[in-house]
């Protein structure tokens, strides 16, 4: 699944070339240029997704720390240990 739209992707509802949102000009590029373009776009998408994953991991750690602090403040750590042994 891609989060980026390629300019080469035409919407299915487009019935004539006059409706193409980016104009009626057509550019022809070599296979190697297209491959490079796809690789560059994939690198950008990977960077965004890795950044997002790192952010989610930091958020999860923060939430776990908050849960731990709440348990400590309310003497719930011992209750958890008793429940596990029972």
N, C-alpha and C. Protein backbone atom coordinates (compact mmCIF):
# COMPACT_ATOMS: atom_id res chain seq x y z
N UNK A 1 0.84 -1.17 0.00
CA UNK A 1 0.00 0.00 0.00
C UNK A 1 0.88 1.24 0.00
N UNK A 2 0.59 2.15 -0.87
CA UNK A 2 1.42 3.33 -0.97
C UNK A 2 0.66 4.55 -0.45
N UNK A 3 1.37 5.39 0.29
CA UNK A 3 0.76 6.61 0.80
C UNK A 3 0.96 7.77 -0.17
N UNK A 4 1.70 7.53 -1.20
CA UNK A 4 1.96 8.56 -2.19
C UNK A 4 1.27 8.19 -3.49
N UNK A 5 0.75 9.18 -4.17
CA UNK A 5 0.10 8.94 -5.45
C UNK A 5 1.10 9.25 -6.55
N UNK A 6 1.26 8.32 -7.44
CA UNK A 6 2.15 8.53 -8.56
C UNK A 6 1.44 9.38 -9.60
N UNK A 7 2.14 10.27 -10.28
CA UNK A 7 1.49 11.08 -11.30
C UNK A 7 1.05 10.25 -12.50
N UNK A 8 1.49 8.99 -12.56
CA UNK A 8 1.14 8.13 -13.67
C UNK A 8 -0.15 7.36 -13.42
N UNK A 9 -0.69 7.48 -12.20
CA UNK A 9 -1.89 6.75 -11.83
C UNK A 9 -3.12 7.57 -12.23
N UNK A 10 -3.90 7.04 -13.15
CA UNK A 10 -5.11 7.73 -13.59
C UNK A 10 -6.31 7.19 -12.83
N UNK A 11 -7.16 8.07 -12.38
CA UNK A 11 -8.35 7.65 -11.67
C UNK A 11 -9.29 6.90 -12.61
N UNK A 12 -9.99 5.88 -12.11
CA UNK A 12 -10.88 5.11 -12.96
C UNK A 12 -12.04 5.92 -13.52
N UNK A 13 -12.45 6.98 -12.83
CA UNK A 13 -13.58 7.76 -13.30
C UNK A 13 -13.21 8.73 -14.42
N UNK A 14 -11.93 8.85 -14.73
CA UNK A 14 -11.52 9.73 -15.82
C UNK A 14 -11.89 9.05 -17.14
N UNK A 15 -12.75 9.70 -17.90
CA UNK A 15 -13.21 9.07 -19.13
C UNK A 15 -12.54 9.66 -20.37
N UNK A 16 -12.06 10.91 -20.27
CA UNK A 16 -11.35 11.50 -21.39
C UNK A 16 -10.07 12.12 -20.89
N UNK A 17 -9.12 12.28 -21.77
CA UNK A 17 -7.84 12.85 -21.37
C UNK A 17 -7.95 14.32 -20.99
N UNK A 18 -9.02 14.99 -21.40
CA UNK A 18 -9.21 16.39 -21.01
C UNK A 18 -9.52 16.52 -19.53
N UNK A 19 -9.95 15.43 -18.90
CA UNK A 19 -10.28 15.46 -17.47
C UNK A 19 -9.09 15.15 -16.58
N UNK A 20 -7.96 14.83 -17.16
CA UNK A 20 -6.79 14.48 -16.37
C UNK A 20 -6.36 15.70 -15.56
N UNK A 21 -6.26 15.54 -14.23
CA UNK A 21 -6.00 16.70 -13.36
C UNK A 21 -4.66 17.38 -13.58
N UNK A 22 -3.64 16.67 -14.07
CA UNK A 22 -2.33 17.29 -14.22
C UNK A 22 -2.05 17.73 -15.65
N UNK A 23 -3.07 17.88 -16.46
CA UNK A 23 -2.91 18.38 -17.82
C UNK A 23 -2.94 17.28 -18.86
N UNK A 24 -2.90 17.69 -20.10
CA UNK A 24 -3.00 16.71 -21.16
C UNK A 24 -1.66 16.36 -21.78
N UNK A 25 -0.58 16.91 -21.24
CA UNK A 25 0.74 16.60 -21.75
C UNK A 25 1.19 15.23 -21.27
N UNK A 26 1.84 14.51 -22.14
CA UNK A 26 2.34 13.19 -21.80
C UNK A 26 3.86 13.22 -21.90
N UNK A 27 4.51 12.71 -20.88
CA UNK A 27 5.97 12.66 -20.87
C UNK A 27 6.40 11.21 -20.96
N UNK A 28 7.34 10.95 -21.81
CA UNK A 28 7.88 9.61 -21.97
C UNK A 28 9.26 9.59 -21.34
N UNK A 29 9.46 8.65 -20.44
CA UNK A 29 10.77 8.51 -19.81
C UNK A 29 11.23 7.07 -20.00
N UNK A 30 12.50 6.88 -19.90
CA UNK A 30 13.06 5.54 -20.08
C UNK A 30 12.71 4.67 -18.88
N UNK A 31 12.82 3.38 -19.07
CA UNK A 31 12.57 2.44 -17.99
C UNK A 31 13.52 2.67 -16.82
N UNK A 32 14.76 2.99 -17.13
CA UNK A 32 15.74 3.22 -16.05
C UNK A 32 15.39 4.48 -15.25
N UNK A 33 14.92 5.53 -15.93
CA UNK A 33 14.51 6.74 -15.22
C UNK A 33 13.29 6.47 -14.35
N UNK A 34 12.34 5.69 -14.88
CA UNK A 34 11.15 5.35 -14.11
C UNK A 34 11.52 4.51 -12.89
N UNK A 35 12.44 3.58 -13.08
CA UNK A 35 12.90 2.74 -11.97
C UNK A 35 13.54 3.61 -10.89
N UNK A 36 14.38 4.55 -11.30
CA UNK A 36 15.01 5.47 -10.35
C UNK A 36 13.97 6.31 -9.61
N UNK A 37 12.99 6.80 -10.36
CA UNK A 37 11.90 7.59 -9.77
C UNK A 37 11.17 6.76 -8.71
N UNK A 38 10.83 5.51 -9.04
CA UNK A 38 10.13 4.63 -8.11
C UNK A 38 10.99 4.36 -6.87
N UNK A 39 12.29 4.17 -7.06
CA UNK A 39 13.17 3.94 -5.92
C UNK A 39 13.24 5.16 -5.02
N UNK A 40 13.35 6.34 -5.63
CA UNK A 40 13.40 7.58 -4.83
C UNK A 40 12.11 7.76 -4.04
N UNK A 41 10.98 7.49 -4.66
CA UNK A 41 9.70 7.62 -3.97
C UNK A 41 9.58 6.59 -2.85
N UNK A 42 10.07 5.38 -3.10
CA UNK A 42 10.04 4.34 -2.07
C UNK A 42 10.91 4.74 -0.88
N UNK A 43 12.08 5.31 -1.14
CA UNK A 43 12.95 5.77 -0.06
C UNK A 43 12.26 6.83 0.79
N UNK A 44 11.58 7.77 0.13
CA UNK A 44 10.84 8.80 0.87
C UNK A 44 9.76 8.18 1.73
N UNK A 45 9.03 7.24 1.17
CA UNK A 45 7.94 6.60 1.91
C UNK A 45 8.48 5.80 3.09
N UNK A 46 9.60 5.11 2.88
CA UNK A 46 10.22 4.35 3.96
C UNK A 46 10.65 5.27 5.10
N UNK A 47 11.24 6.42 4.76
CA UNK A 47 11.65 7.37 5.80
C UNK A 47 10.45 7.84 6.61
N UNK A 48 9.34 8.13 5.94
CA UNK A 48 8.14 8.58 6.64
C UNK A 48 7.63 7.47 7.56
N UNK A 49 7.57 6.25 7.05
CA UNK A 49 7.05 5.14 7.85
C UNK A 49 7.97 4.80 9.02
N UNK A 50 9.29 4.86 8.80
CA UNK A 50 10.22 4.60 9.91
C UNK A 50 10.10 5.67 10.99
N UNK A 51 9.94 6.90 10.56
CA UNK A 51 9.76 8.00 11.52
C UNK A 51 8.48 7.80 12.31
N UNK A 52 7.43 7.40 11.61
CA UNK A 52 6.15 7.16 12.28
C UNK A 52 6.27 6.01 13.28
N UNK A 53 6.96 4.94 12.89
CA UNK A 53 7.14 3.79 13.78
C UNK A 53 7.93 4.19 15.03
N UNK A 54 8.97 4.97 14.84
CA UNK A 54 9.76 5.44 15.99
C UNK A 54 8.91 6.28 16.93
N UNK A 55 8.09 7.14 16.36
CA UNK A 55 7.20 7.97 17.17
C UNK A 55 6.22 7.12 17.96
N UNK A 56 5.63 6.10 17.32
CA UNK A 56 4.69 5.23 18.00
C UNK A 56 5.38 4.45 19.12
N UNK A 57 6.62 4.00 18.88
CA UNK A 57 7.35 3.27 19.90
C UNK A 57 7.64 4.15 21.12
N UNK A 58 8.00 5.41 20.87
CA UNK A 58 8.25 6.34 21.98
C UNK A 58 6.96 6.59 22.75
N UNK A 59 5.85 6.72 22.04
CA UNK A 59 4.57 6.95 22.69
C UNK A 59 4.20 5.75 23.55
N UNK A 60 4.42 4.54 23.04
CA UNK A 60 4.11 3.33 23.81
C UNK A 60 4.95 3.26 25.08
N UNK A 61 6.23 3.59 24.97
CA UNK A 61 7.10 3.60 26.16
C UNK A 61 6.60 4.61 27.20
N UNK A 62 6.19 5.77 26.73
CA UNK A 62 5.68 6.80 27.63
C UNK A 62 4.40 6.33 28.33
N UNK A 63 3.54 5.68 27.59
CA UNK A 63 2.30 5.17 28.18
C UNK A 63 2.61 4.10 29.22
N UNK A 64 3.54 3.18 28.90
CA UNK A 64 3.91 2.13 29.86
C UNK A 64 4.51 2.73 31.12
N UNK A 65 5.32 3.78 30.97
CA UNK A 65 5.92 4.45 32.13
C UNK A 65 4.84 5.09 32.98
N UNK A 66 3.87 5.72 32.36
CA UNK A 66 2.76 6.33 33.09
C UNK A 66 1.97 5.27 33.85
N UNK A 67 1.72 4.13 33.22
CA UNK A 67 1.00 3.03 33.88
C UNK A 67 1.79 2.55 35.10
N UNK A 68 3.11 2.39 34.93
CA UNK A 68 3.96 1.95 36.03
C UNK A 68 3.90 2.94 37.19
N UNK A 69 3.99 4.24 36.87
CA UNK A 69 3.95 5.27 37.92
C UNK A 69 2.62 5.26 38.65
N UNK A 70 1.53 5.10 37.91
CA UNK A 70 0.21 5.05 38.54
C UNK A 70 0.09 3.85 39.47
N UNK A 71 0.62 2.70 39.03
CA UNK A 71 0.58 1.51 39.88
C UNK A 71 1.40 1.72 41.14
N UNK A 72 2.58 2.33 41.00
CA UNK A 72 3.43 2.58 42.17
C UNK A 72 2.77 3.55 43.13
N UNK A 73 2.19 4.62 42.62
CA UNK A 73 1.55 5.63 43.46
C UNK A 73 0.34 5.07 44.21
N UNK A 74 -0.30 4.09 43.62
CA UNK A 74 -1.53 3.56 44.22
C UNK A 74 -1.37 2.16 44.77
N UNK A 75 -0.12 1.76 45.02
CA UNK A 75 0.19 0.46 45.61
C UNK A 75 -0.50 -0.69 44.88
N UNK A 76 -0.47 -0.64 43.58
CA UNK A 76 -1.10 -1.69 42.78
C UNK A 76 -0.10 -2.72 42.27
N UNK A 77 1.18 -2.46 42.46
CA UNK A 77 2.19 -3.42 42.00
C UNK A 77 2.10 -4.72 42.77
N UNK A 78 1.88 -4.64 44.08
CA UNK A 78 1.76 -5.84 44.89
C UNK A 78 0.50 -6.61 44.53
N UNK A 79 -0.57 -5.91 44.22
CA UNK A 79 -1.81 -6.56 43.83
C UNK A 79 -1.62 -7.38 42.57
N UNK A 80 -0.89 -6.84 41.61
CA UNK A 80 -0.61 -7.56 40.37
C UNK A 80 0.20 -8.82 40.64
N UNK A 81 1.18 -8.72 41.53
CA UNK A 81 2.01 -9.88 41.86
C UNK A 81 1.20 -10.95 42.54
N UNK A 82 0.28 -10.57 43.43
CA UNK A 82 -0.57 -11.54 44.14
C UNK A 82 -1.50 -12.24 43.15
N UNK A 83 -2.05 -11.48 42.19
CA UNK A 83 -2.95 -12.06 41.20
C UNK A 83 -2.22 -13.09 40.34
N UNK A 84 -0.96 -12.83 40.04
CA UNK A 84 -0.18 -13.75 39.21
C UNK A 84 0.09 -15.05 39.94
N UNK A 85 0.38 -14.98 41.25
CA UNK A 85 0.70 -16.18 42.00
C UNK A 85 -0.53 -16.98 42.39
N UNK A 86 -1.68 -16.37 42.38
CA UNK A 86 -2.91 -17.07 42.78
C UNK A 86 -3.46 -17.93 41.69
